[in-house]
């Protein structure tokens, strides 16, 4: 139904100049991590001796260090193209049924990880007050937009929060892109009390995401 390997995985690229292992191999390994609900790339690596991998990858599983390095270099635009392909297939097969007759998207922020020791140019930072001293903690937060259906949840897109901006600015940048790619995917947007602010409400009203039957 989805032509996952041909239409999605093979189309995803990364920034490596002369890759020895195809990007598809790393993606197929990562899919198993989520399908099996494993907690980390290290946990995935402990399954490398299974016969499953020879059938699934047609080769040995890459190391967890290699997977982390390649995932950091993946072209996110090609991933978004793959998500749009999956959305189109689900829509065509009438799998994206709304709730109570409404198509609903949920907007929310999620912090993925935090560290006192390691950071990158995209990290956010905050001061943690401890008994002995204050420490700078580095972290990443993303804003996600997900379709909410009766039996299925589908991730439309994710946008990282940039240093120096708040979550609301990230959310509006995310919505700009999503409403261009999925103009009719949802009618209403749900969010927690943080998003009940004038700029976002006005933005959604202007784009017709405030009442049933909106375009």
C-alpha atoms as a PDB file:
ATOM      1  CA  UNK A   1       0.000   0.000   0.000  1.00  0.00           C
ATOM      2  CA  UNK A   2       2.690   2.508   0.951  1.00  0.00           C
ATOM      3  CA  UNK A   3       5.552   1.382  -1.311  1.00  0.00           C
ATOM      4  CA  UNK A   4       7.715   2.267   1.689  1.00  0.00           C
ATOM      5  CA  UNK A   5      11.084   1.215   0.292  1.00  0.00           C
ATOM      6  CA  UNK A   6      10.583   2.475  -3.279  1.00  0.00           C
ATOM      7  CA  UNK A   7       8.684   5.711  -2.665  1.00  0.00           C
ATOM      8  CA  UNK A   8       9.910   6.840   0.750  1.00  0.00           C
ATOM      9  CA  UNK A   9      13.153   5.303   2.002  1.00  0.00           C
ATOM     10  CA  UNK A  10      15.044   5.351  -1.295  1.00  0.00           C
ATOM     11  CA  UNK A  11      14.150   9.015  -1.771  1.00  0.00           C
ATOM     12  CA  UNK A  12      15.651  10.154   1.556  1.00  0.00           C
ATOM     13  CA  UNK A  13      19.205  11.485   1.304  1.00  0.00           C
ATOM     14  CA  UNK A  14      21.897  12.772   3.653  1.00  0.00           C
ATOM     15  CA  UNK A  15      24.911  15.071   3.456  1.00  0.00           C
ATOM     16  CA  UNK A  16      27.651  12.444   3.185  1.00  0.00           C
ATOM     17  CA  UNK A  17      29.798  12.992   0.092  1.00  0.00           C
ATOM     18  CA  UNK A  18      30.851   9.388  -0.590  1.00  0.00           C
ATOM     19  CA  UNK A  19      28.571   7.117   1.461  1.00  0.00           C
ATOM     20  CA  UNK A  20      29.663   3.481   1.731  1.00  0.00           C
ATOM     21  CA  UNK A  21      26.346   2.415   3.276  1.00  0.00           C
ATOM     22  CA  UNK A  22      23.089   3.587   1.626  1.00  0.00           C
ATOM     23  CA  UNK A  23      20.885   5.935   3.640  1.00  0.00           C
ATOM     24  CA  UNK A  24      18.043   3.425   3.279  1.00  0.00           C
ATOM     25  CA  UNK A  25      19.924   0.944   5.487  1.00  0.00           C
ATOM     26  CA  UNK A  26      20.068   3.431   8.354  1.00  0.00           C
ATOM     27  CA  UNK A  27      16.416   4.337   7.939  1.00  0.00           C
ATOM     28  CA  UNK A  28      15.260   0.720   7.920  1.00  0.00           C
ATOM     29  CA  UNK A  29      17.297   0.098  11.076  1.00  0.00           C
ATOM     30  CA  UNK A  30      15.685   3.115  12.758  1.00  0.00           C
ATOM     31  CA  UNK A  31      12.202   1.968  11.808  1.00  0.00           C
ATOM     32  CA  UNK A  32      12.769  -1.283  13.686  1.00  0.00           C
ATOM     33  CA  UNK A  33      13.875   0.688  16.739  1.00  0.00           C
ATOM     34  CA  UNK A  34      10.514   2.472  16.860  1.00  0.00           C
ATOM     35  CA  UNK A  35       8.381  -0.493  15.825  1.00  0.00           C
ATOM     36  CA  UNK A  36       9.960  -2.625  18.584  1.00  0.00           C
ATOM     37  CA  UNK A  37       9.803   0.282  21.088  1.00  0.00           C
ATOM     38  CA  UNK A  38      13.474  -0.009  21.944  1.00  0.00           C
ATOM     39  CA  UNK A  39      14.854   2.753  24.108  1.00  0.00           C
ATOM     40  CA  UNK A  40      18.026   3.750  22.257  1.00  0.00           C
ATOM     41  CA  UNK A  41      20.417   3.048  19.392  1.00  0.00           C
ATOM     42  CA  UNK A  42      22.532   1.131  21.888  1.00  0.00           C
ATOM     43  CA  UNK A  43      19.582  -1.135  22.688  1.00  0.00           C
ATOM     44  CA  UNK A  44      19.036  -1.660  18.964  1.00  0.00           C
ATOM     45  CA  UNK A  45      22.681  -2.602  18.537  1.00  0.00           C
ATOM     46  CA  UNK A  46      22.289  -5.458  21.037  1.00  0.00           C
ATOM     47  CA  UNK A  47      19.952  -7.172  18.552  1.00  0.00           C
ATOM     48  CA  UNK A  48      22.561  -7.182  15.769  1.00  0.00           C
ATOM     49  CA  UNK A  49      23.118 -10.949  16.074  1.00  0.00           C
ATOM     50  CA  UNK A  50      19.534 -11.767  15.094  1.00  0.00           C
ATOM     51  CA  UNK A  51      18.873 -13.475  11.740  1.00  0.00           C
ATOM     52  CA  UNK A  52      16.195 -10.885  11.139  1.00  0.00           C
ATOM     53  CA  UNK A  53      18.724  -8.266  10.031  1.00  0.00           C
ATOM     54  CA  UNK A  54      20.102 -10.312   7.141  1.00  0.00           C
ATOM     55  CA  UNK A  55      16.605 -10.586   5.682  1.00  0.00           C
ATOM     56  CA  UNK A  56      15.581  -7.015   6.488  1.00  0.00           C
ATOM     57  CA  UNK A  57      18.767  -5.149   5.493  1.00  0.00           C
ATOM     58  CA  UNK A  58      20.462  -7.679   3.201  1.00  0.00           C
ATOM     59  CA  UNK A  59      23.619  -6.835   5.116  1.00  0.00           C
ATOM     60  CA  UNK A  60      24.900  -6.374   8.673  1.00  0.00           C
ATOM     61  CA  UNK A  61      23.402  -3.648  10.825  1.00  0.00           C
ATOM     62  CA  UNK A  62      25.508  -0.449  10.971  1.00  0.00           C
ATOM     63  CA  UNK A  63      27.072   0.530  14.277  1.00  0.00           C
ATOM     64  CA  UNK A  64      25.096   2.731  16.639  1.00  0.00           C
ATOM     65  CA  UNK A  65      27.728   5.480  16.273  1.00  0.00           C
ATOM     66  CA  UNK A  66      27.325   5.437  12.490  1.00  0.00           C
ATOM     67  CA  UNK A  67      23.545   5.549  12.789  1.00  0.00           C
ATOM     68  CA  UNK A  68      23.669   8.568  15.074  1.00  0.00           C
ATOM     69  CA  UNK A  69      26.106  10.351  12.775  1.00  0.00           C
ATOM     70  CA  UNK A  70      24.050   9.705   9.621  1.00  0.00           C
ATOM     71  CA  UNK A  71      20.721  10.608  11.248  1.00  0.00           C
ATOM     72  CA  UNK A  72      22.217  14.001  12.141  1.00  0.00           C
ATOM     73  CA  UNK A  73      23.015  14.596   8.447  1.00  0.00           C
ATOM     74  CA  UNK A  74      19.721  13.503   6.882  1.00  0.00           C
ATOM     75  CA  UNK A  75      18.082  16.012   4.544  1.00  0.00           C
ATOM     76  CA  UNK A  76      14.853  16.837   6.376  1.00  0.00           C
ATOM     77  CA  UNK A  77      13.178  18.058   3.163  1.00  0.00           C
ATOM     78  CA  UNK A  78      13.355  14.513   1.746  1.00  0.00           C
ATOM     79  CA  UNK A  79      11.847  13.125   4.959  1.00  0.00           C
ATOM     80  CA  UNK A  80       8.964  15.608   4.692  1.00  0.00           C
ATOM     81  CA  UNK A  81       8.390  14.504   1.094  1.00  0.00           C
ATOM     82  CA  UNK A  82       8.136  10.920   2.319  1.00  0.00           C
ATOM     83  CA  UNK A  83       5.651  11.887   5.033  1.00  0.00           C
ATOM     84  CA  UNK A  84       3.505  13.637   2.441  1.00  0.00           C
ATOM     85  CA  UNK A  85       3.524  10.480   0.321  1.00  0.00           C
ATOM     86  CA  UNK A  86       2.334   8.419   3.315  1.00  0.00           C
ATOM     87  CA  UNK A  87      -0.356  11.004   4.081  1.00  0.00           C
ATOM     88  CA  UNK A  88      -1.623  10.866   0.484  1.00  0.00           C
ATOM     89  CA  UNK A  89      -1.867   7.073   0.592  1.00  0.00           C
ATOM     90  CA  UNK A  90      -3.697   7.098   3.922  1.00  0.00           C
ATOM     91  CA  UNK A  91      -6.072   9.794   2.700  1.00  0.00           C
ATOM     92  CA  UNK A  92      -6.789   7.904  -0.504  1.00  0.00           C
ATOM     93  CA  UNK A  93      -7.603   4.773   1.491  1.00  0.00           C
ATOM     94  CA  UNK A  94      -9.897   6.729   3.853  1.00  0.00           C
ATOM     95  CA  UNK A  95      -7.786   5.837   6.887  1.00  0.00           C
ATOM     96  CA  UNK A  96      -7.598   9.399   8.261  1.00  0.00           C
ATOM     97  CA  UNK A  97     -11.058   9.679   9.759  1.00  0.00           C
ATOM     98  CA  UNK A  98     -11.547  12.626  12.063  1.00  0.00           C
ATOM     99  CA  UNK A  99     -13.242  12.792  15.441  1.00  0.00           C
ATOM    100  CA  UNK A 100     -16.945  13.599  15.560  1.00  0.00           C
ATOM    101  CA  UNK A 101     -16.887  14.581  11.913  1.00  0.00           C
ATOM    102  CA  UNK A 102     -13.991  17.035  12.350  1.00  0.00           C
ATOM    103  CA  UNK A 103     -10.427  16.693  11.115  1.00  0.00           C
ATOM    104  CA  UNK A 104      -8.226  17.799  14.004  1.00  0.00           C
ATOM    105  CA  UNK A 105      -4.505  18.565  14.354  1.00  0.00           C
ATOM    106  CA  UNK A 106      -2.693  18.755  17.699  1.00  0.00           C
ATOM    107  CA  UNK A 107       0.063  21.332  18.199  1.00  0.00           C
ATOM    108  CA  UNK A 108       2.523  20.703  21.036  1.00  0.00           C
ATOM    109  CA  UNK A 109       6.119  21.251  22.117  1.00  0.00           C
ATOM    110  CA  UNK A 110       8.383  18.361  23.112  1.00  0.00           C
ATOM    111  CA  UNK A 111      11.811  18.429  24.717  1.00  0.00           C
ATOM    112  CA  UNK A 112      13.897  15.607  23.292  1.00  0.00           C
ATOM    113  CA  UNK A 113      17.036  15.593  25.443  1.00  0.00           C
ATOM    114  CA  UNK A 114      19.185  17.671  27.770  1.00  0.00           C
ATOM    115  CA  UNK A 115      22.855  17.699  28.800  1.00  0.00           C
ATOM    116  CA  UNK A 116      25.219  19.636  31.022  1.00  0.00           C
ATOM    117  CA  UNK A 117      28.279  18.485  29.078  1.00  0.00           C
ATOM    118  CA  UNK A 118      27.523  18.421  25.359  1.00  0.00           C
ATOM    119  CA  UNK A 119      25.932  21.026  23.144  1.00  0.00           C
ATOM    120  CA  UNK A 120      25.684  22.114  19.515  1.00  0.00           C
ATOM    121  CA  UNK A 121      24.964  25.411  17.720  1.00  0.00           C
ATOM    122  CA  UNK A 122      21.251  24.586  17.691  1.00  0.00           C
ATOM    123  CA  UNK A 123      20.963  23.942  21.426  1.00  0.00           C
ATOM    124  CA  UNK A 124      18.792  26.009  23.729  1.00  0.00           C
ATOM    125  CA  UNK A 125      20.174  26.736  27.194  1.00  0.00           C
ATOM    126  CA  UNK A 126      18.868  27.452  30.670  1.00  0.00           C
ATOM    127  CA  UNK A 127      20.331  27.971  34.123  1.00  0.00           C
ATOM    128  CA  UNK A 128      19.609  25.244  36.657  1.00  0.00           C
ATOM    129  CA  UNK A 129      19.879  26.429  40.258  1.00  0.00           C
ATOM    130  CA  UNK A 130      21.438  23.792  42.500  1.00  0.00           C
ATOM    131  CA  UNK A 131      22.338  23.851  46.181  1.00  0.00           C
ATOM    132  CA  UNK A 132      26.055  24.205  45.554  1.00  0.00           C
ATOM    133  CA  UNK A 133      26.099  26.259  42.351  1.00  0.00           C
ATOM    134  CA  UNK A 134      24.251  27.170  39.182  1.00  0.00           C
ATOM    135  CA  UNK A 135      24.799  25.100  36.049  1.00  0.00           C
ATOM    136  CA  UNK A 136      24.020  25.726  32.385  1.00  0.00           C
ATOM    137  CA  UNK A 137      21.908  22.985  30.874  1.00  0.00           C
ATOM    138  CA  UNK A 138      21.654  22.537  27.091  1.00  0.00           C
ATOM    139  CA  UNK A 139      18.575  21.043  25.503  1.00  0.00           C
ATOM    140  CA  UNK A 140      16.531  20.688  22.316  1.00  0.00           C
ATOM    141  CA  UNK A 141      12.819  21.339  21.984  1.00  0.00           C
ATOM    142  CA  UNK A 142      10.655  20.690  18.925  1.00  0.00           C
ATOM    143  CA  UNK A 143       7.123  21.737  18.106  1.00  0.00           C
ATOM    144  CA  UNK A 144       5.094  18.992  16.433  1.00  0.00           C
ATOM    145  CA  UNK A 145       1.836  18.951  14.513  1.00  0.00           C
ATOM    146  CA  UNK A 146      -0.027  15.651  14.448  1.00  0.00           C
ATOM    147  CA  UNK A 147      -3.333  14.610  12.921  1.00  0.00           C
ATOM    148  CA  UNK A 148      -5.651  13.155  15.540  1.00  0.00           C
ATOM    149  CA  UNK A 149      -8.103  10.538  14.297  1.00  0.00           C
ATOM    150  CA  UNK A 150     -10.419   7.954  15.802  1.00  0.00           C
ATOM    151  CA  UNK A 151      -7.930   5.099  15.359  1.00  0.00           C
ATOM    152  CA  UNK A 152      -4.826   6.666  13.870  1.00  0.00           C
ATOM    153  CA  UNK A 153      -2.357   9.406  14.753  1.00  0.00           C
ATOM    154  CA  UNK A 154      -0.222  10.779  11.928  1.00  0.00           C
ATOM    155  CA  UNK A 155       2.753  13.104  12.318  1.00  0.00           C
ATOM    156  CA  UNK A 156       2.571  15.900   9.753  1.00  0.00           C
ATOM    157  CA  UNK A 157       5.748  17.799  10.601  1.00  0.00           C
ATOM    158  CA  UNK A 158       8.250  18.852  13.262  1.00  0.00           C
ATOM    159  CA  UNK A 159      10.071  22.166  13.688  1.00  0.00           C
ATOM    160  CA  UNK A 160      13.030  22.766  16.049  1.00  0.00           C
ATOM    161  CA  UNK A 161      12.930  25.745  18.354  1.00  0.00           C
ATOM    162  CA  UNK A 162      15.853  28.048  17.619  1.00  0.00           C
ATOM    163  CA  UNK A 163      18.072  29.750  20.211  1.00  0.00           C
ATOM    164  CA  UNK A 164      16.643  33.083  21.245  1.00  0.00           C
ATOM    165  CA  UNK A 165      13.038  32.418  20.168  1.00  0.00           C
ATOM    166  CA  UNK A 166      10.017  31.181  22.075  1.00  0.00           C
ATOM    167  CA  UNK A 167       7.848  28.177  21.340  1.00  0.00           C
ATOM    168  CA  UNK A 168       5.105  30.312  19.811  1.00  0.00           C
ATOM    169  CA  UNK A 169       7.398  31.615  17.054  1.00  0.00           C
ATOM    170  CA  UNK A 170       8.447  28.035  16.314  1.00  0.00           C
ATOM    171  CA  UNK A 171       4.821  26.923  16.125  1.00  0.00           C
ATOM    172  CA  UNK A 172       3.894  29.654  13.656  1.00  0.00           C
ATOM    173  CA  UNK A 173       6.873  28.815  11.439  1.00  0.00           C
ATOM    174  CA  UNK A 174       5.773  25.181  11.504  1.00  0.00           C
ATOM    175  CA  UNK A 175       2.196  26.084  10.601  1.00  0.00           C
ATOM    176  CA  UNK A 176       3.401  28.224   7.688  1.00  0.00           C
ATOM    177  CA  UNK A 177       5.044  25.192   6.114  1.00  0.00           C
ATOM    178  CA  UNK A 178       2.311  22.690   6.969  1.00  0.00           C
ATOM    179  CA  UNK A 179      -0.534  24.822   5.643  1.00  0.00           C
ATOM    180  CA  UNK A 180       1.332  25.146   2.352  1.00  0.00           C
ATOM    181  CA  UNK A 181       1.839  21.375   2.023  1.00  0.00           C
ATOM    182  CA  UNK A 182      -1.433  20.245   3.636  1.00  0.00           C
ATOM    183  CA  UNK A 183      -3.973  23.056   3.113  1.00  0.00           C
ATOM    184  CA  UNK A 184      -7.003  20.772   3.659  1.00  0.00           C
ATOM    185  CA  UNK A 185      -5.594  18.170   6.032  1.00  0.00           C
ATOM    186  CA  UNK A 186      -7.379  19.546   9.127  1.00  0.00           C
ATOM    187  CA  UNK A 187     -10.117  21.974  10.125  1.00  0.00           C
ATOM    188  CA  UNK A 188      -9.288  22.663  13.765  1.00  0.00           C
ATOM    189  CA  UNK A 189      -6.093  22.972  15.794  1.00  0.00           C
ATOM    190  CA  UNK A 190      -5.840  21.787  19.405  1.00  0.00           C
ATOM    191  CA  UNK A 191      -3.172  23.007  21.812  1.00  0.00           C
ATOM    192  CA  UNK A 192      -2.585  23.611  25.504  1.00  0.00           C
ATOM    193  CA  UNK A 193      -3.112  26.943  27.245  1.00  0.00           C
ATOM    194  CA  UNK A 194       0.330  28.214  26.199  1.00  0.00           C
ATOM    195  CA  UNK A 195      -0.895  28.617  22.613  1.00  0.00           C
ATOM    196  CA  UNK A 196      -3.968  30.660  23.561  1.00  0.00           C
ATOM    197  CA  UNK A 197      -2.295  33.888  22.458  1.00  0.00           C
ATOM    198  CA  UNK A 198      -3.511  36.596  20.125  1.00  0.00           C
ATOM    199  CA  UNK A 199      -0.970  36.190  17.291  1.00  0.00           C
ATOM    200  CA  UNK A 200      -1.574  32.453  16.901  1.00  0.00           C
ATOM    201  CA  UNK A 201      -5.368  32.687  17.227  1.00  0.00           C
ATOM    202  CA  UNK A 202      -5.445  35.472  14.632  1.00  0.00           C
ATOM    203  CA  UNK A 203      -3.193  33.439  12.355  1.00  0.00           C
ATOM    204  CA  UNK A 204      -5.461  30.371  12.539  1.00  0.00           C
ATOM    205  CA  UNK A 205      -8.572  32.504  12.050  1.00  0.00           C
ATOM    206  CA  UNK A 206      -7.053  34.094   8.953  1.00  0.00           C
ATOM    207  CA  UNK A 207      -6.358  30.630   7.519  1.00  0.00           C
ATOM    208  CA  UNK A 208      -9.860  29.371   8.223  1.00  0.00           C
ATOM    209  CA  UNK A 209      -8.900  26.891  10.961  1.00  0.00           C
ATOM    210  CA  UNK A 210     -11.542  27.994  13.423  1.00  0.00           C
ATOM    211  CA  UNK A 211     -14.809  26.362  12.427  1.00  0.00           C
ATOM    212  CA  UNK A 212     -16.181  23.130  10.877  1.00  0.00           C
ATOM    213  CA  UNK A 213     -16.300  23.199   7.109  1.00  0.00           C
ATOM    214  CA  UNK A 214     -13.454  25.711   6.770  1.00  0.00           C
ATOM    215  CA  UNK A 215     -11.376  25.421   3.585  1.00  0.00           C
END
